[in-house]
Amino acid sequence: MTRKKLQPPADPYRLMRFVFRHALNGVMAGWAFLLALLWLDVGGLGARVHGAADGWIVVLMLAGAFGVTFSMVGIVWGVLVMLPDEPD
């Protein structure tokens, strides 16, 4: 009868690091995309935000929306391109 070798305990934070890393990448990509939209004035968005009385509130709302959306995209992208044998 052969005894199994004891495996070291799995890292309990591996999934958390994976999700956080990809979510952070997504948020940064979303904010960069928002900055490009505002800077290049696509559809007059930059001019509208600049001309608004409380433009900083609009920017915060857009940054939140873009951050949440792109963080989910980043997580999904990380899951879809993950190889089966790839150690994180």
PDB file of N, CA and C in Angstrom:
ATOM      1  N   MET A   1       0.840  -1.170   0.000  1.00  0.00           N
ATOM      2  CA  MET A   1       0.000   0.000   0.000  1.00  0.00           C
ATOM      3  C   MET A   1       0.894   1.246   0.000  1.00  0.00           C
ATOM      4  N   THR A   2       0.644   2.114  -0.941  1.00  0.00           N
ATOM      5  CA  THR A   2       1.446   3.317  -1.078  1.00  0.00           C
ATOM      6  C   THR A   2       0.761   4.474  -0.363  1.00  0.00           C
ATOM      7  N   ARG A   3       1.562   5.191   0.376  1.00  0.00           N
ATOM      8  CA  ARG A   3       1.016   6.356   1.073  1.00  0.00           C
ATOM      9  C   ARG A   3       1.124   7.578   0.170  1.00  0.00           C
ATOM     10  N   LYS A   4       0.121   8.411   0.231  1.00  0.00           N
ATOM     11  CA  LYS A   4       0.144   9.654  -0.537  1.00  0.00           C
ATOM     12  C   LYS A   4       1.038  10.657   0.173  1.00  0.00           C
ATOM     13  N   LYS A   5       1.731  11.434  -0.635  1.00  0.00           N
ATOM     14  CA  LYS A   5       2.525  12.513  -0.062  1.00  0.00           C
ATOM     15  C   LYS A   5       1.590  13.625   0.403  1.00  0.00           C
ATOM     16  N   LEU A   6       1.944  14.216   1.491  1.00  0.00           N
ATOM     17  CA  LEU A   6       1.154  15.338   1.971  1.00  0.00           C
ATOM     18  C   LEU A   6       1.451  16.566   1.125  1.00  0.00           C
ATOM     19  N   GLN A   7       0.403  17.221   0.695  1.00  0.00           N
ATOM     20  CA  GLN A   7       0.540  18.447  -0.088  1.00  0.00           C
ATOM     21  C   GLN A   7       0.581  19.642   0.861  1.00  0.00           C
ATOM     22  N   PRO A   8       1.366  20.640   0.514  1.00  0.00           N
ATOM     23  CA  PRO A   8       1.323  21.847   1.340  1.00  0.00           C
ATOM     24  C   PRO A   8      -0.069  22.475   1.225  1.00  0.00           C
ATOM     25  N   PRO A   9      -0.502  23.177   2.241  1.00  0.00           N
ATOM     26  CA  PRO A   9      -1.844  23.764   2.181  1.00  0.00           C
ATOM     27  C   PRO A   9      -1.940  24.780   1.043  1.00  0.00           C
ATOM     28  N   ALA A  10      -3.088  24.787   0.408  1.00  0.00           N
ATOM     29  CA  ALA A  10      -3.306  25.727  -0.693  1.00  0.00           C
ATOM     30  C   ALA A  10      -3.359  27.152  -0.143  1.00  0.00           C
ATOM     31  N   ASP A  11      -2.964  28.077  -0.979  1.00  0.00           N
ATOM     32  CA  ASP A  11      -2.998  29.481  -0.592  1.00  0.00           C
ATOM     33  C   ASP A  11      -4.455  29.948  -0.542  1.00  0.00           C
ATOM     34  N   PRO A  12      -4.957  30.337   0.615  1.00  0.00           N
ATOM     35  CA  PRO A  12      -6.371  30.717   0.698  1.00  0.00           C
ATOM     36  C   PRO A  12      -6.688  32.046   0.012  1.00  0.00           C
ATOM     37  N   TYR A  13      -5.674  32.845  -0.266  1.00  0.00           N
ATOM     38  CA  TYR A  13      -5.902  34.158  -0.867  1.00  0.00           C
ATOM     39  C   TYR A  13      -5.617  34.182  -2.365  1.00  0.00           C
ATOM     40  N   ARG A  14      -5.415  33.040  -2.960  1.00  0.00           N
ATOM     41  CA  ARG A  14      -5.070  32.978  -4.383  1.00  0.00           C
ATOM     42  C   ARG A  14      -6.188  33.559  -5.252  1.00  0.00           C
ATOM     43  N   LEU A  15      -7.426  33.160  -4.987  1.00  0.00           N
ATOM     44  CA  LEU A  15      -8.556  33.663  -5.764  1.00  0.00           C
ATOM     45  C   LEU A  15      -8.750  35.159  -5.544  1.00  0.00           C
ATOM     46  N   MET A  16      -8.592  35.606  -4.309  1.00  0.00           N
ATOM     47  CA  MET A  16      -8.750  37.031  -4.013  1.00  0.00           C
ATOM     48  C   MET A  16      -7.716  37.873  -4.762  1.00  0.00           C
ATOM     49  N   ARG A  17      -6.465  37.397  -4.781  1.00  0.00           N
ATOM     50  CA  ARG A  17      -5.424  38.123  -5.511  1.00  0.00           C
ATOM     51  C   ARG A  17      -5.713  38.150  -7.004  1.00  0.00           C
ATOM     52  N   PHE A  18      -6.178  37.019  -7.534  1.00  0.00           N
ATOM     53  CA  PHE A  18      -6.503  36.923  -8.957  1.00  0.00           C
ATOM     54  C   PHE A  18      -7.592  37.935  -9.330  1.00  0.00           C
ATOM     55  N   VAL A  19      -8.673  37.943  -8.561  1.00  0.00           N
ATOM     56  CA  VAL A  19      -9.791  38.843  -8.849  1.00  0.00           C
ATOM     57  C   VAL A  19      -9.370  40.295  -8.658  1.00  0.00           C
ATOM     58  N   PHE A  20      -8.659  40.598  -7.581  1.00  0.00           N
ATOM     59  CA  PHE A  20      -8.244  41.972  -7.318  1.00  0.00           C
ATOM     60  C   PHE A  20      -7.302  42.488  -8.398  1.00  0.00           C
ATOM     61  N   ARG A  21      -6.349  41.655  -8.807  1.00  0.00           N
ATOM     62  CA  ARG A  21      -5.389  42.071  -9.832  1.00  0.00           C
ATOM     63  C   ARG A  21      -6.095  42.391 -11.144  1.00  0.00           C
ATOM     64  N   HIS A  22      -7.006  41.526 -11.563  1.00  0.00           N
ATOM     65  CA  HIS A  22      -7.684  41.751 -12.835  1.00  0.00           C
ATOM     66  C   HIS A  22      -8.714  42.881 -12.743  1.00  0.00           C
ATOM     67  N   ALA A  23      -9.349  43.026 -11.593  1.00  0.00           N
ATOM     68  CA  ALA A  23     -10.281  44.140 -11.414  1.00  0.00           C
ATOM     69  C   ALA A  23      -9.535  45.471 -11.433  1.00  0.00           C
ATOM     70  N   LEU A  24      -8.384  45.523 -10.792  1.00  0.00           N
ATOM     71  CA  LEU A  24      -7.593  46.752 -10.787  1.00  0.00           C
ATOM     72  C   LEU A  24      -7.114  47.105 -12.192  1.00  0.00           C
ATOM     73  N   ASN A  25      -6.689  46.108 -12.947  1.00  0.00           N
ATOM     74  CA  ASN A  25      -6.307  46.358 -14.337  1.00  0.00           C
ATOM     75  C   ASN A  25      -7.487  46.894 -15.137  1.00  0.00           C
ATOM     76  N   GLY A  26      -8.671  46.340 -14.905  1.00  0.00           N
ATOM     77  CA  GLY A  26      -9.865  46.809 -15.601  1.00  0.00           C
ATOM     78  C   GLY A  26     -10.230  48.234 -15.236  1.00  0.00           C
ATOM     79  N   VAL A  27     -10.133  48.569 -13.956  1.00  0.00           N
ATOM     80  CA  VAL A  27     -10.437  49.936 -13.520  1.00  0.00           C
ATOM     81  C   VAL A  27      -9.469  50.922 -14.165  1.00  0.00           C
ATOM     82  N   MET A  28      -8.199  50.589 -14.179  1.00  0.00           N
ATOM     83  CA  MET A  28      -7.212  51.485 -14.795  1.00  0.00           C
ATOM     84  C   MET A  28      -7.482  51.652 -16.292  1.00  0.00           C
ATOM     85  N   ALA A  29      -7.852  50.575 -16.962  1.00  0.00           N
ATOM     86  CA  ALA A  29      -8.182  50.658 -18.390  1.00  0.00           C
ATOM     87  C   ALA A  29      -9.430  51.512 -18.601  1.00  0.00           C
ATOM     88  N   GLY A  30     -10.418  51.362 -17.740  1.00  0.00           N
ATOM     89  CA  GLY A  30     -11.641  52.157 -17.856  1.00  0.00           C
ATOM     90  C   GLY A  30     -11.385  53.634 -17.641  1.00  0.00           C
ATOM     91  N   TRP A  31     -10.581  53.953 -16.640  1.00  0.00           N
ATOM     92  CA  TRP A  31     -10.267  55.359 -16.394  1.00  0.00           C
ATOM     93  C   TRP A  31      -9.428  55.951 -17.519  1.00  0.00           C
ATOM     94  N   ALA A  32      -8.529  55.158 -18.086  1.00  0.00           N
ATOM     95  CA  ALA A  32      -7.746  55.638 -19.230  1.00  0.00           C
ATOM     96  C   ALA A  32      -8.661  55.891 -20.426  1.00  0.00           C
ATOM     97  N   PHE A  33      -9.634  55.008 -20.629  1.00  0.00           N
ATOM     98  CA  PHE A  33     -10.584  55.187 -21.725  1.00  0.00           C
ATOM     99  C   PHE A  33     -11.438  56.434 -21.501  1.00  0.00           C
ATOM    100  N   LEU A  34     -11.894  56.654 -20.271  1.00  0.00           N
ATOM    101  CA  LEU A  34     -12.671  57.853 -19.952  1.00  0.00           C
ATOM    102  C   LEU A  34     -11.834  59.109 -20.163  1.00  0.00           C
ATOM    103  N   LEU A  35     -10.589  59.071 -19.729  1.00  0.00           N
ATOM    104  CA  LEU A  35      -9.705  60.216 -19.931  1.00  0.00           C
ATOM    105  C   LEU A  35      -9.529  60.512 -21.414  1.00  0.00           C
ATOM    106  N   ALA A  36      -9.384  59.461 -22.221  1.00  0.00           N
ATOM    107  CA  ALA A  36      -9.255  59.657 -23.669  1.00  0.00           C
ATOM    108  C   ALA A  36     -10.533  60.251 -24.254  1.00  0.00           C
ATOM    109  N   LEU A  37     -11.694  59.783 -23.797  1.00  0.00           N
ATOM    110  CA  LEU A  37     -12.960  60.336 -24.289  1.00  0.00           C
ATOM    111  C   LEU A  37     -13.092  61.818 -23.946  1.00  0.00           C
ATOM    112  N   LEU A  38     -12.720  62.173 -22.728  1.00  0.00           N
ATOM    113  CA  LEU A  38     -12.822  63.572 -22.321  1.00  0.00           C
ATOM    114  C   LEU A  38     -11.769  64.436 -23.008  1.00  0.00           C
ATOM    115  N   TRP A  39     -10.556  63.923 -23.103  1.00  0.00           N
ATOM    116  CA  TRP A  39      -9.461  64.694 -23.682  1.00  0.00           C
ATOM    117  C   TRP A  39      -9.665  64.934 -25.176  1.00  0.00           C
ATOM    118  N   LEU A  40     -10.128  63.903 -25.889  1.00  0.00           N
ATOM    119  CA  LEU A  40     -10.347  64.018 -27.332  1.00  0.00           C
ATOM    120  C   LEU A  40     -11.708  64.631 -27.661  1.00  0.00           C
ATOM    121  N   ASP A  41     -12.507  64.891 -26.652  1.00  0.00           N
ATOM    122  CA  ASP A  41     -13.817  65.527 -26.804  1.00  0.00           C
ATOM    123  C   ASP A  41     -14.701  64.764 -27.790  1.00  0.00           C
ATOM    124  N   VAL A  42     -14.795  63.464 -27.583  1.00  0.00           N
ATOM    125  CA  VAL A  42     -15.602  62.614 -28.451  1.00  0.00           C
ATOM    126  C   VAL A  42     -17.073  62.929 -28.212  1.00  0.00           C
ATOM    127  N   GLY A  43     -17.773  63.290 -29.272  1.00  0.00           N
ATOM    128  CA  GLY A  43     -19.195  63.618 -29.166  1.00  0.00           C
ATOM    129  C   GLY A  43     -19.473  64.868 -28.347  1.00  0.00           C
ATOM    130  N   GLY A  44     -18.484  65.700 -28.153  1.00  0.00           N
ATOM    131  CA  GLY A  44     -18.661  66.909 -27.364  1.00  0.00           C
ATOM    132  C   GLY A  44     -18.732  66.660 -25.866  1.00  0.00           C
ATOM    133  N   LEU A  45     -18.348  65.463 -25.436  1.00  0.00           N
ATOM    134  CA  LEU A  45     -18.438  65.109 -24.016  1.00  0.00           C
ATOM    135  C   LEU A  45     -17.512  65.967 -23.159  1.00  0.00           C
ATOM    136  N   GLY A  46     -16.292  66.154 -23.612  1.00  0.00           N
ATOM    137  CA  GLY A  46     -15.335  66.955 -22.844  1.00  0.00           C
ATOM    138  C   GLY A  46     -15.792  68.397 -22.688  1.00  0.00           C
ATOM    139  N   ALA A  47     -16.349  68.963 -23.752  1.00  0.00           N
ATOM    140  CA  ALA A  47     -16.832  70.344 -23.688  1.00  0.00           C
ATOM    141  C   ALA A  47     -18.027  70.464 -22.753  1.00  0.00           C
ATOM    142  N   ARG A  48     -18.905  69.468 -22.767  1.00  0.00           N
ATOM    143  CA  ARG A  48     -20.068  69.503 -21.875  1.00  0.00           C
ATOM    144  C   ARG A  48     -19.644  69.411 -20.413  1.00  0.00           C
ATOM    145  N   VAL A  49     -18.702  68.534 -20.135  1.00  0.00           N
ATOM    146  CA  VAL A  49     -18.230  68.386 -18.752  1.00  0.00           C
ATOM    147  C   VAL A  49     -17.498  69.645 -18.314  1.00  0.00           C
ATOM    148  N   HIS A  50     -16.678  70.190 -19.204  1.00  0.00           N
ATOM    149  CA  HIS A  50     -15.924  71.395 -18.868  1.00  0.00           C
ATOM    150  C   HIS A  50     -16.853  72.592 -18.664  1.00  0.00           C
ATOM    151  N   GLY A  51     -17.930  72.644 -19.421  1.00  0.00           N
ATOM    152  CA  GLY A  51     -18.856  73.762 -19.319  1.00  0.00           C
ATOM    153  C   GLY A  51     -19.876  73.638 -18.201  1.00  0.00           C
ATOM    154  N   ALA A  52     -19.978  72.478 -17.593  1.00  0.00           N
ATOM    155  CA  ALA A  52     -20.964  72.275 -16.529  1.00  0.00           C
ATOM    156  C   ALA A  52     -20.530  72.999 -15.257  1.00  0.00           C
ATOM    157  N   ALA A  53     -21.525  73.448 -14.500  1.00  0.00           N
ATOM    158  CA  ALA A  53     -21.218  74.152 -13.249  1.00  0.00           C
ATOM    159  C   ALA A  53     -20.543  73.220 -12.246  1.00  0.00           C
ATOM    160  N   ASP A  54     -21.018  71.996 -12.163  1.00  0.00           N
ATOM    161  CA  ASP A  54     -20.430  70.993 -11.263  1.00  0.00           C
ATOM    162  C   ASP A  54     -19.843  69.859 -12.093  1.00  0.00           C
ATOM    163  N   GLY A  55     -18.884  70.189 -12.930  1.00  0.00           N
ATOM    164  CA  GLY A  55     -18.284  69.195 -13.811  1.00  0.00           C
ATOM    165  C   GLY A  55     -17.542  68.098 -13.080  1.00  0.00           C
ATOM    166  N   TRP A  56     -17.019  68.404 -11.911  1.00  0.00           N
ATOM    167  CA  TRP A  56     -16.267  67.389 -11.160  1.00  0.00           C
ATOM    168  C   TRP A  56     -17.187  66.272 -10.684  1.00  0.00           C
ATOM    169  N   ILE A  57     -18.470  66.594 -10.408  1.00  0.00           N
ATOM    170  CA  ILE A  57     -19.420  65.550 -10.015  1.00  0.00           C
ATOM    171  C   ILE A  57     -19.682  64.621 -11.193  1.00  0.00           C
ATOM    172  N   VAL A  58     -19.801  65.206 -12.372  1.00  0.00           N
ATOM    173  CA  VAL A  58     -20.010  64.405 -13.584  1.00  0.00           C
ATOM    174  C   VAL A  58     -18.819  63.486 -13.816  1.00  0.00           C
ATOM    175  N   VAL A  59     -17.621  64.009 -13.631  1.00  0.00           N
ATOM    176  CA  VAL A  59     -16.418  63.196 -13.824  1.00  0.00           C
ATOM    177  C   VAL A  59     -16.367  62.065 -12.800  1.00  0.00           C
ATOM    178  N   LEU A  60     -16.723  62.342 -11.548  1.00  0.00           N
ATOM    179  CA  LEU A  60     -16.744  61.288 -10.526  1.00  0.00           C
ATOM    180  C   LEU A  60     -17.771  60.206 -10.852  1.00  0.00           C
ATOM    181  N   MET A  61     -18.944  60.615 -11.325  1.00  0.00           N
ATOM    182  CA  MET A  61     -19.968  59.636 -11.685  1.00  0.00           C
ATOM    183  C   MET A  61     -19.527  58.790 -12.873  1.00  0.00           C
ATOM    184  N   LEU A  62     -18.943  59.438 -13.869  1.00  0.00           N
ATOM    185  CA  LEU A  62     -18.448  58.693 -15.028  1.00  0.00           C
ATOM    186  C   LEU A  62     -17.301  57.767 -14.634  1.00  0.00           C
ATOM    187  N   ALA A  63     -16.407  58.246 -13.770  1.00  0.00           N
ATOM    188  CA  ALA A  63     -15.285  57.411 -13.334  1.00  0.00           C
ATOM    189  C   ALA A  63     -15.781  56.192 -12.570  1.00  0.00           C
ATOM    190  N   GLY A  64     -16.791  56.370 -11.739  1.00  0.00           N
ATOM    191  CA  GLY A  64     -17.360  55.229 -11.026  1.00  0.00           C
ATOM    192  C   GLY A  64     -17.994  54.223 -11.966  1.00  0.00           C
ATOM    193  N   ALA A  65     -18.776  54.718 -12.913  1.00  0.00           N
ATOM    194  CA  ALA A  65     -19.444  53.824 -13.860  1.00  0.00           C
ATOM    195  C   ALA A  65     -18.435  53.099 -14.746  1.00  0.00           C
ATOM    196  N   PHE A  66     -17.458  53.830 -15.257  1.00  0.00           N
ATOM    197  CA  PHE A  66     -16.439  53.202 -16.099  1.00  0.00           C
ATOM    198  C   PHE A  66     -15.593  52.230 -15.288  1.00  0.00           C
ATOM    199  N   GLY A  67     -15.287  52.592 -14.040  1.00  0.00           N
ATOM    200  CA  GLY A  67     -14.485  51.714 -13.193  1.00  0.00           C
ATOM    201  C   GLY A  67     -15.173  50.394 -12.911  1.00  0.00           C
ATOM    202  N   VAL A  68     -16.451  50.443 -12.556  1.00  0.00           N
ATOM    203  CA  VAL A  68     -17.194  49.213 -12.263  1.00  0.00           C
ATOM    204  C   VAL A  68     -17.325  48.352 -13.515  1.00  0.00           C
ATOM    205  N   THR A  69     -17.698  48.983 -14.627  1.00  0.00           N
ATOM    206  CA  THR A  69     -17.894  48.227 -15.868  1.00  0.00           C
ATOM    207  C   THR A  69     -16.605  47.577 -16.337  1.00  0.00           C
ATOM    208  N   PHE A  70     -15.539  48.343 -16.384  1.00  0.00           N
ATOM    209  CA  PHE A  70     -14.285  47.804 -16.895  1.00  0.00           C
ATOM    210  C   PHE A  70     -13.628  46.843 -15.910  1.00  0.00           C
ATOM    211  N   SER A  71     -13.908  46.973 -14.611  1.00  0.00           N
ATOM    212  CA  SER A  71     -13.360  45.991 -13.667  1.00  0.00           C
ATOM    213  C   SER A  71     -13.992  44.628 -13.898  1.00  0.00           C
ATOM    214  N   MET A  72     -15.288  44.600 -14.180  1.00  0.00           N
ATOM    215  CA  MET A  72     -15.943  43.325 -14.499  1.00  0.00           C
ATOM    216  C   MET A  72     -15.392  42.743 -15.798  1.00  0.00           C
ATOM    217  N   VAL A  73     -15.159  43.605 -16.766  1.00  0.00           N
ATOM    218  CA  VAL A  73     -14.564  43.146 -18.029  1.00  0.00           C
ATOM    219  C   VAL A  73     -13.166  42.590 -17.773  1.00  0.00           C
ATOM    220  N   GLY A  74     -12.397  43.238 -16.909  1.00  0.00           N
ATOM    221  CA  GLY A  74     -11.056  42.754 -16.582  1.00  0.00           C
ATOM    222  C   GLY A  74     -11.075  41.393 -15.912  1.00  0.00           C
ATOM    223  N   ILE A  75     -12.025  41.182 -15.004  1.00  0.00           N
ATOM    224  CA  ILE A  75     -12.125  39.884 -14.331  1.00  0.00           C
ATOM    225  C   ILE A  75     -12.518  38.803 -15.322  1.00  0.00           C
ATOM    226  N   VAL A  76     -13.517  39.088 -16.157  1.00  0.00           N
ATOM    227  CA  VAL A  76     -13.952  38.104 -17.157  1.00  0.00           C
ATOM    228  C   VAL A  76     -12.825  37.799 -18.128  1.00  0.00           C
ATOM    229  N   TRP A  77     -12.096  38.821 -18.531  1.00  0.00           N
ATOM    230  CA  TRP A  77     -10.962  38.610 -19.438  1.00  0.00           C
ATOM    231  C   TRP A  77      -9.916  37.705 -18.787  1.00  0.00           C
ATOM    232  N   GLY A  78      -9.625  37.945 -17.528  1.00  0.00           N
ATOM    233  CA  GLY A  78      -8.655  37.114 -16.815  1.00  0.00           C
ATOM    234  C   GLY A  78      -9.089  35.665 -16.725  1.00  0.00           C
ATOM    235  N   VAL A  79     -10.378  35.438 -16.509  1.00  0.00           N
ATOM    236  CA  VAL A  79     -10.887  34.067 -16.430  1.00  0.00           C
ATOM    237  C   VAL A  79     -10.849  33.403 -17.800  1.00  0.00           C
ATOM    238  N   LEU A  80     -11.217  34.139 -18.838  1.00  0.00           N
ATOM    239  CA  LEU A  80     -11.288  33.546 -20.173  1.00  0.00           C
ATOM    240  C   LEU A  80      -9.925  33.205 -20.754  1.00  0.00           C
ATOM    241  N   VAL A  81      -8.908  33.979 -20.442  1.00  0.00           N
ATOM    242  CA  VAL A  81      -7.590  33.704 -21.019  1.00  0.00           C
ATOM    243  C   VAL A  81      -6.713  32.853 -20.111  1.00  0.00           C
ATOM    244  N   MET A  82      -7.237  32.450 -18.956  1.00  0.00           N
ATOM    245  CA  MET A  82      -6.459  31.649 -18.017  1.00  0.00           C
ATOM    246  C   MET A  82      -6.247  30.243 -18.579  1.00  0.00           C
ATOM    247  N   LEU A  83      -5.024  29.802 -18.554  1.00  0.00           N
ATOM    248  CA  LEU A  83      -4.708  28.451 -18.995  1.00  0.00           C
ATOM    249  C   LEU A  83      -4.969  27.476 -17.853  1.00  0.00           C
ATOM    250  N   PRO A  84      -5.334  26.229 -18.157  1.00  0.00           N
ATOM    251  CA  PRO A  84      -5.664  25.284 -17.083  1.00  0.00           C
ATOM    252  C   PRO A  84      -4.507  25.004 -16.122  1.00  0.00           C
ATOM    253  N   ASP A  85      -3.280  24.990 -16.611  1.00  0.00           N
ATOM    254  CA  ASP A  85      -2.137  24.641 -15.766  1.00  0.00           C
ATOM    255  C   ASP A  85      -1.400  25.865 -15.242  1.00  0.00           C
ATOM    256  N   GLU A  86      -1.895  27.039 -15.537  1.00  0.00           N
ATOM    257  CA  GLU A  86      -1.171  28.258 -15.207  1.00  0.00           C
ATOM    258  C   GLU A  86      -1.232  28.549 -13.712  1.00  0.00           C
ATOM    259  N   PRO A  87      -0.068  28.644 -13.063  1.00  0.00           N
ATOM    260  CA  PRO A  87      -0.086  29.075 -11.661  1.00  0.00           C
ATOM    261  C   PRO A  87      -0.199  30.591 -11.610  1.00  0.00           C
ATOM    262  N   ASP A  88      -1.054  31.087 -10.748  1.00  0.00           N
ATOM    263  CA  ASP A  88      -1.215  32.538 -10.652  1.00  0.00           C
ATOM    264  C   ASP A  88      -0.019  33.076 -10.000  1.00  0.00           C
TER     265      ASP A  88
END
